[in-house]
Amino acid sequence: MSRPSQVIRPRITSQQQAVVGEKGGEAYTRAVGRSFIMALYGSLRSIRMYPIENPVVQKGLEELTAITEELRDAEGDLEFRVSGEFIFVNSTRLRLDLDNYTTFSYLLALCRACGVGVLRVKSKTASKDWTVFLSFLLAPKGDGPEARFEELQRRLDNTGVLAFEVSPPVESEDDQKVRLQSKEAAKRTYAQSVSATK
């Protein structure tokens, strides 16, 4: 009988802890938002590998619930949004680093496959709410993202899970600006590398 592997736990660094004291700012949102996506990813992985009653799954769900409520208490809202290759928490774009590349890639692919662009947490959540929602994300029904999104909404309504509101992907002006800035930065980097090789 194999032992359960460790779930990836969100780590708040000492730099993030200093920022966490300043609730409501962009740096705070970025630090706690990063912990949120790590907890979300960890819970998805543990639900996929173990039965719901497993202590690893339950601990991960409790952590996800606690971080969700921390963000909601500090900012009055929690909105997780994916757009293109970017993840936003409460309109703050989270930075993609080498240590969170797998997390970003997994969440972006899962949201695309299910047709989900935005997840809003409208009210206080419990572990059971997250269990239902994440289980539905991991076992989508329907052919194609649009059909899967509609089925996800229907299933959430049928189970009475009202804490979450999901929306399909929508590109905002901010997303377009970020994409243009990234494109311009890539062009500059390319031009610099070409001139350096001459």
C-alpha atoms as a PDB file:
ATOM      1  CA  MET A   1       0.000   0.000   0.000  1.00  0.00           C
ATOM      2  CA  SER A   2       1.562   3.259  -1.120  1.00  0.00           C
ATOM      3  CA  ARG A   3       1.764   6.236   1.169  1.00  0.00           C
ATOM      4  CA  PRO A   4      -0.028   9.411   0.082  1.00  0.00           C
ATOM      5  CA  SER A   5       2.365  11.922  -1.401  1.00  0.00           C
ATOM      6  CA  GLN A   6       2.648  15.409  -0.026  1.00  0.00           C
ATOM      7  CA  VAL A   7       0.249  17.986  -1.398  1.00  0.00           C
ATOM      8  CA  ILE A   8       1.907  21.143  -2.657  1.00  0.00           C
ATOM      9  CA  ARG A   9       1.295  23.725   0.045  1.00  0.00           C
ATOM     10  CA  PRO A  10       1.266  27.419  -0.762  1.00  0.00           C
ATOM     11  CA  ARG A  11       4.301  29.021   0.822  1.00  0.00           C
ATOM     12  CA  ILE A  12       4.268  32.632   1.867  1.00  0.00           C
ATOM     13  CA  THR A  13       7.841  33.906   1.848  1.00  0.00           C
ATOM     14  CA  SER A  14       9.184  36.404   4.377  1.00  0.00           C
ATOM     15  CA  GLN A  15       8.929  39.118   1.703  1.00  0.00           C
ATOM     16  CA  GLN A  16       5.266  38.194   1.126  1.00  0.00           C
ATOM     17  CA  GLN A  17       4.625  38.148   4.890  1.00  0.00           C
ATOM     18  CA  ALA A  18       5.842  41.742   5.099  1.00  0.00           C
ATOM     19  CA  VAL A  19       3.473  42.673   2.288  1.00  0.00           C
ATOM     20  CA  VAL A  20       0.561  40.753   3.806  1.00  0.00           C
ATOM     21  CA  GLY A  21       0.492  43.337   6.599  1.00  0.00           C
ATOM     22  CA  GLU A  22      -0.600  45.935   4.018  1.00  0.00           C
ATOM     23  CA  LYS A  23      -3.986  44.467   3.147  1.00  0.00           C
ATOM     24  CA  GLY A  24      -5.786  45.742   0.104  1.00  0.00           C
ATOM     25  CA  GLY A  25      -2.761  46.761  -1.985  1.00  0.00           C
ATOM     26  CA  GLU A  26      -1.638  45.243  -5.258  1.00  0.00           C
ATOM     27  CA  ALA A  27       1.402  43.612  -3.618  1.00  0.00           C
ATOM     28  CA  TYR A  28      -0.867  41.994  -1.025  1.00  0.00           C
ATOM     29  CA  THR A  29      -3.238  40.727  -3.732  1.00  0.00           C
ATOM     30  CA  ARG A  30      -0.308  39.349  -5.706  1.00  0.00           C
ATOM     31  CA  ALA A  31       1.155  37.521  -2.668  1.00  0.00           C
ATOM     32  CA  VAL A  32      -2.098  36.067  -1.335  1.00  0.00           C
ATOM     33  CA  GLY A  33      -3.402  35.491  -4.878  1.00  0.00           C
ATOM     34  CA  ARG A  34      -0.347  33.352  -5.552  1.00  0.00           C
ATOM     35  CA  SER A  35      -1.095  31.357  -2.385  1.00  0.00           C
ATOM     36  CA  PHE A  36      -4.686  31.000  -3.595  1.00  0.00           C
ATOM     37  CA  ILE A  37      -3.719  29.512  -6.973  1.00  0.00           C
ATOM     38  CA  MET A  38      -1.215  27.171  -5.309  1.00  0.00           C
ATOM     39  CA  ALA A  39      -3.941  25.969  -2.896  1.00  0.00           C
ATOM     40  CA  LEU A  40      -6.390  25.619  -5.798  1.00  0.00           C
ATOM     41  CA  TYR A  41      -3.877  23.581  -7.786  1.00  0.00           C
ATOM     42  CA  GLY A  42      -2.987  21.443  -4.761  1.00  0.00           C
ATOM     43  CA  SER A  43      -6.651  20.692  -4.043  1.00  0.00           C
ATOM     44  CA  LEU A  44      -7.345  19.760  -7.660  1.00  0.00           C
ATOM     45  CA  ARG A  45      -4.385  17.368  -7.685  1.00  0.00           C
ATOM     46  CA  SER A  46      -5.260  15.729  -4.380  1.00  0.00           C
ATOM     47  CA  ILE A  47      -8.949  15.290  -5.356  1.00  0.00           C
ATOM     48  CA  ARG A  48      -7.784  13.667  -8.565  1.00  0.00           C
ATOM     49  CA  MET A  49      -5.502  11.214  -6.734  1.00  0.00           C
ATOM     50  CA  TYR A  50      -7.341  10.340  -3.506  1.00  0.00           C
ATOM     51  CA  PRO A  51     -10.863   9.751  -2.201  1.00  0.00           C
ATOM     52  CA  ILE A  52     -12.579  12.869  -0.839  1.00  0.00           C
ATOM     53  CA  GLU A  53     -12.421  11.618   2.763  1.00  0.00           C
ATOM     54  CA  ASN A  54      -8.615  11.287   2.606  1.00  0.00           C
ATOM     55  CA  PRO A  55      -6.898  13.595   5.167  1.00  0.00           C
ATOM     56  CA  VAL A  56      -4.620  15.036   2.457  1.00  0.00           C
ATOM     57  CA  VAL A  57      -7.669  16.105   0.428  1.00  0.00           C
ATOM     58  CA  GLN A  58      -9.472  17.508   3.471  1.00  0.00           C
ATOM     59  CA  LYS A  59      -6.451  19.496   4.638  1.00  0.00           C
ATOM     60  CA  GLY A  60      -5.971  20.970   1.161  1.00  0.00           C
ATOM     61  CA  LEU A  61      -9.642  21.971   0.953  1.00  0.00           C
ATOM     62  CA  GLU A  62      -9.493  23.597   4.405  1.00  0.00           C
ATOM     63  CA  GLU A  63      -6.441  25.583   3.320  1.00  0.00           C
ATOM     64  CA  LEU A  64      -8.131  26.664   0.082  1.00  0.00           C
ATOM     65  CA  THR A  65     -11.228  27.755   2.024  1.00  0.00           C
ATOM     66  CA  ALA A  66      -9.120  29.732   4.518  1.00  0.00           C
ATOM     67  CA  ILE A  67      -7.161  31.570   1.796  1.00  0.00           C
ATOM     68  CA  THR A  68     -10.389  32.296  -0.091  1.00  0.00           C
ATOM     69  CA  GLU A  69     -11.936  33.856   3.009  1.00  0.00           C
ATOM     70  CA  GLU A  70      -8.756  35.820   3.766  1.00  0.00           C
ATOM     71  CA  LEU A  71      -8.902  37.424   0.314  1.00  0.00           C
ATOM     72  CA  ARG A  72     -12.630  38.088   0.576  1.00  0.00           C
ATOM     73  CA  ASP A  73     -12.246  39.651   4.036  1.00  0.00           C
ATOM     74  CA  ALA A  74      -9.359  41.879   2.924  1.00  0.00           C
ATOM     75  CA  GLU A  75     -10.746  42.963  -0.445  1.00  0.00           C
ATOM     76  CA  GLY A  76     -14.474  42.302  -0.205  1.00  0.00           C
ATOM     77  CA  ASP A  77     -14.381  40.026  -3.238  1.00  0.00           C
ATOM     78  CA  LEU A  78     -12.540  37.172  -4.895  1.00  0.00           C
ATOM     79  CA  GLU A  79     -12.395  36.967  -8.654  1.00  0.00           C
ATOM     80  CA  PHE A  80     -10.127  34.442 -10.373  1.00  0.00           C
ATOM     81  CA  ARG A  81      -9.838  35.130 -14.105  1.00  0.00           C
ATOM     82  CA  VAL A  82      -7.886  33.580 -16.947  1.00  0.00           C
ATOM     83  CA  SER A  83      -7.210  35.395 -20.185  1.00  0.00           C
ATOM     84  CA  GLY A  84      -4.877  34.083 -22.846  1.00  0.00           C
ATOM     85  CA  GLU A  85      -1.726  33.042 -20.983  1.00  0.00           C
ATOM     86  CA  PHE A  86      -2.458  35.196 -17.937  1.00  0.00           C
ATOM     87  CA  ILE A  87      -4.087  34.605 -14.559  1.00  0.00           C
ATOM     88  CA  PHE A  88      -5.647  37.472 -12.620  1.00  0.00           C
ATOM     89  CA  VAL A  89      -6.853  37.563  -9.026  1.00  0.00           C
ATOM     90  CA  ASN A  90      -9.057  40.586  -8.293  1.00  0.00           C
ATOM     91  CA  SER A  91      -7.779  42.293 -11.470  1.00  0.00           C
ATOM     92  CA  THR A  92      -4.134  41.898 -10.406  1.00  0.00           C
ATOM     93  CA  ARG A  93      -2.091  39.926 -12.917  1.00  0.00           C
ATOM     94  CA  LEU A  94      -0.060  37.206 -11.258  1.00  0.00           C
ATOM     95  CA  ARG A  95       3.484  36.792 -12.482  1.00  0.00           C
ATOM     96  CA  LEU A  96       4.527  33.560 -14.146  1.00  0.00           C
ATOM     97  CA  ASP A  97       7.795  32.283 -12.666  1.00  0.00           C
ATOM     98  CA  LEU A  98       9.719  29.056 -13.050  1.00  0.00           C
ATOM     99  CA  ASP A  99       8.439  27.824  -9.680  1.00  0.00           C
ATOM    100  CA  ASN A 100       4.761  28.280 -10.625  1.00  0.00           C
ATOM    101  CA  TYR A 101       4.917  27.385 -14.333  1.00  0.00           C
ATOM    102  CA  THR A 102       3.300  23.968 -13.820  1.00  0.00           C
ATOM    103  CA  THR A 103       0.526  25.478 -11.693  1.00  0.00           C
ATOM    104  CA  PHE A 104      -0.259  28.192 -14.257  1.00  0.00           C
ATOM    105  CA  SER A 105      -0.178  25.767 -17.187  1.00  0.00           C
ATOM    106  CA  TYR A 106      -2.463  23.274 -15.457  1.00  0.00           C
ATOM    107  CA  LEU A 107      -5.043  25.873 -14.365  1.00  0.00           C
ATOM    108  CA  LEU A 108      -5.064  27.602 -17.763  1.00  0.00           C
ATOM    109  CA  ALA A 109      -5.545  24.292 -19.601  1.00  0.00           C
ATOM    110  CA  LEU A 110      -8.282  23.130 -17.209  1.00  0.00           C
ATOM    111  CA  CYS A 111     -10.206  26.406 -17.469  1.00  0.00           C
ATOM    112  CA  ARG A 112      -9.921  26.408 -21.274  1.00  0.00           C
ATOM    113  CA  ALA A 113     -11.144  22.807 -21.486  1.00  0.00           C
ATOM    114  CA  CYS A 114     -14.176  23.625 -19.285  1.00  0.00           C
ATOM    115  CA  GLY A 115     -14.939  26.949 -20.990  1.00  0.00           C
ATOM    116  CA  VAL A 116     -14.413  28.899 -17.758  1.00  0.00           C
ATOM    117  CA  GLY A 117     -12.892  32.366 -17.965  1.00  0.00           C
ATOM    118  CA  VAL A 118     -13.980  33.824 -14.629  1.00  0.00           C
ATOM    119  CA  LEU A 119     -14.705  32.348 -11.208  1.00  0.00           C
ATOM    120  CA  ARG A 120     -16.241  34.696  -8.640  1.00  0.00           C
ATOM    121  CA  VAL A 121     -16.672  33.660  -5.037  1.00  0.00           C
ATOM    122  CA  LYS A 122     -19.901  35.445  -4.098  1.00  0.00           C
ATOM    123  CA  SER A 123     -20.318  34.271  -0.517  1.00  0.00           C
ATOM    124  CA  LYS A 124     -18.592  32.391   2.295  1.00  0.00           C
ATOM    125  CA  THR A 125     -17.392  28.984   1.150  1.00  0.00           C
ATOM    126  CA  ALA A 126     -17.039  25.678   2.938  1.00  0.00           C
ATOM    127  CA  SER A 127     -14.870  22.694   2.028  1.00  0.00           C
ATOM    128  CA  LYS A 128     -17.921  20.888   0.631  1.00  0.00           C
ATOM    129  CA  ASP A 129     -18.579  23.768  -1.833  1.00  0.00           C
ATOM    130  CA  TRP A 130     -15.031  23.509  -3.153  1.00  0.00           C
ATOM    131  CA  THR A 131     -15.289  19.703  -3.268  1.00  0.00           C
ATOM    132  CA  VAL A 132     -18.347  19.864  -5.526  1.00  0.00           C
ATOM    133  CA  PHE A 133     -16.990  22.630  -7.760  1.00  0.00           C
ATOM    134  CA  LEU A 134     -13.523  21.125  -8.214  1.00  0.00           C
ATOM    135  CA  SER A 135     -14.953  17.636  -8.806  1.00  0.00           C
ATOM    136  CA  PHE A 136     -17.122  19.053 -11.609  1.00  0.00           C
ATOM    137  CA  LEU A 137     -14.096  20.811 -13.148  1.00  0.00           C
ATOM    138  CA  LEU A 138     -12.114  17.572 -13.087  1.00  0.00           C
ATOM    139  CA  ALA A 139     -14.939  15.555 -14.685  1.00  0.00           C
ATOM    140  CA  PRO A 140     -16.433  17.855 -17.340  1.00  0.00           C
ATOM    141  CA  LYS A 141     -19.457  16.720 -19.329  1.00  0.00           C
ATOM    142  CA  GLY A 142     -20.154  17.730 -22.896  1.00  0.00           C
ATOM    143  CA  ASP A 143     -18.262  18.109 -26.151  1.00  0.00           C
ATOM    144  CA  GLY A 144     -16.233  21.268 -26.402  1.00  0.00           C
ATOM    145  CA  PRO A 145     -15.675  24.145 -23.957  1.00  0.00           C
ATOM    146  CA  GLU A 146     -19.041  25.881 -24.568  1.00  0.00           C
ATOM    147  CA  ALA A 147     -21.090  22.746 -23.879  1.00  0.00           C
ATOM    148  CA  ARG A 148     -18.942  21.897 -20.851  1.00  0.00           C
ATOM    149  CA  PHE A 149     -19.414  25.397 -19.449  1.00  0.00           C
ATOM    150  CA  GLU A 150     -23.203  25.187 -19.772  1.00  0.00           C
ATOM    151  CA  GLU A 151     -23.190  21.740 -18.166  1.00  0.00           C
ATOM    152  CA  LEU A 152     -20.992  23.013 -15.309  1.00  0.00           C
ATOM    153  CA  GLN A 153     -23.461  25.820 -14.591  1.00  0.00           C
ATOM    154  CA  ARG A 154     -26.380  23.404 -14.699  1.00  0.00           C
ATOM    155  CA  ARG A 155     -24.670  20.946 -12.364  1.00  0.00           C
ATOM    156  CA  LEU A 156     -23.808  23.704  -9.861  1.00  0.00           C
ATOM    157  CA  ASP A 157     -27.440  24.895  -9.898  1.00  0.00           C
ATOM    158  CA  ASN A 158     -28.750  21.341  -9.450  1.00  0.00           C
ATOM    159  CA  THR A 159     -26.507  20.657  -6.448  1.00  0.00           C
ATOM    160  CA  GLY A 160     -27.390  23.951  -4.767  1.00  0.00           C
ATOM    161  CA  VAL A 161     -23.803  25.252  -4.655  1.00  0.00           C
ATOM    162  CA  LEU A 162     -24.442  28.996  -4.722  1.00  0.00           C
ATOM    163  CA  ALA A 163     -21.098  30.367  -3.501  1.00  0.00           C
ATOM    164  CA  PHE A 164     -19.590  30.425  -6.999  1.00  0.00           C
ATOM    165  CA  GLU A 165     -20.423  32.317 -10.165  1.00  0.00           C
ATOM    166  CA  VAL A 166     -18.695  31.244 -13.364  1.00  0.00           C
ATOM    167  CA  SER A 167     -18.467  33.077 -16.683  1.00  0.00           C
ATOM    168  CA  PRO A 168     -16.964  32.168 -20.052  1.00  0.00           C
ATOM    169  CA  PRO A 169     -13.698  33.834 -21.136  1.00  0.00           C
ATOM    170  CA  VAL A 170     -13.953  37.516 -22.073  1.00  0.00           C
ATOM    171  CA  GLU A 171     -11.047  39.669 -23.154  1.00  0.00           C
ATOM    172  CA  SER A 172     -11.045  43.133 -21.589  1.00  0.00           C
ATOM    173  CA  GLU A 173      -9.178  46.262 -22.692  1.00  0.00           C
ATOM    174  CA  ASP A 174      -6.656  45.634 -19.914  1.00  0.00           C
ATOM    175  CA  ASP A 175      -5.964  42.167 -21.312  1.00  0.00           C
ATOM    176  CA  GLN A 176      -5.375  43.640 -24.768  1.00  0.00           C
ATOM    177  CA  LYS A 177      -2.989  46.240 -23.304  1.00  0.00           C
ATOM    178  CA  VAL A 178      -1.048  43.581 -21.398  1.00  0.00           C
ATOM    179  CA  ARG A 179      -0.838  41.433 -24.530  1.00  0.00           C
ATOM    180  CA  LEU A 180       0.432  44.390 -26.608  1.00  0.00           C
ATOM    181  CA  GLN A 181       2.992  45.293 -23.921  1.00  0.00           C
ATOM    182  CA  SER A 182       4.218  41.678 -23.833  1.00  0.00           C
ATOM    183  CA  LYS A 183       4.461  41.638 -27.628  1.00  0.00           C
ATOM    184  CA  GLU A 184       6.428  44.907 -27.666  1.00  0.00           C
ATOM    185  CA  ALA A 185       8.775  43.609 -24.951  1.00  0.00           C
ATOM    186  CA  ALA A 186       9.355  40.421 -26.971  1.00  0.00           C
ATOM    187  CA  LYS A 187      10.127  42.490 -30.095  1.00  0.00           C
ATOM    188  CA  ARG A 188      12.619  44.647 -28.160  1.00  0.00           C
ATOM    189  CA  THR A 189      14.325  41.562 -26.727  1.00  0.00           C
ATOM    190  CA  TYR A 190      14.549  40.005 -30.181  1.00  0.00           C
ATOM    191  CA  ALA A 191      15.959  43.212 -31.717  1.00  0.00           C
ATOM    192  CA  GLN A 192      18.537  43.496 -28.919  1.00  0.00           C
ATOM    193  CA  SER A 193      19.638  39.885 -29.324  1.00  0.00           C
ATOM    194  CA  VAL A 194      19.952  40.289 -33.121  1.00  0.00           C
ATOM    195  CA  SER A 195      22.049  43.450 -32.744  1.00  0.00           C
ATOM    196  CA  ALA A 196      24.206  41.768 -30.092  1.00  0.00           C
ATOM    197  CA  THR A 197      25.037  38.879 -32.451  1.00  0.00           C
ATOM    198  CA  LYS A 198      26.148  41.205 -35.273  1.00  0.00           C
END
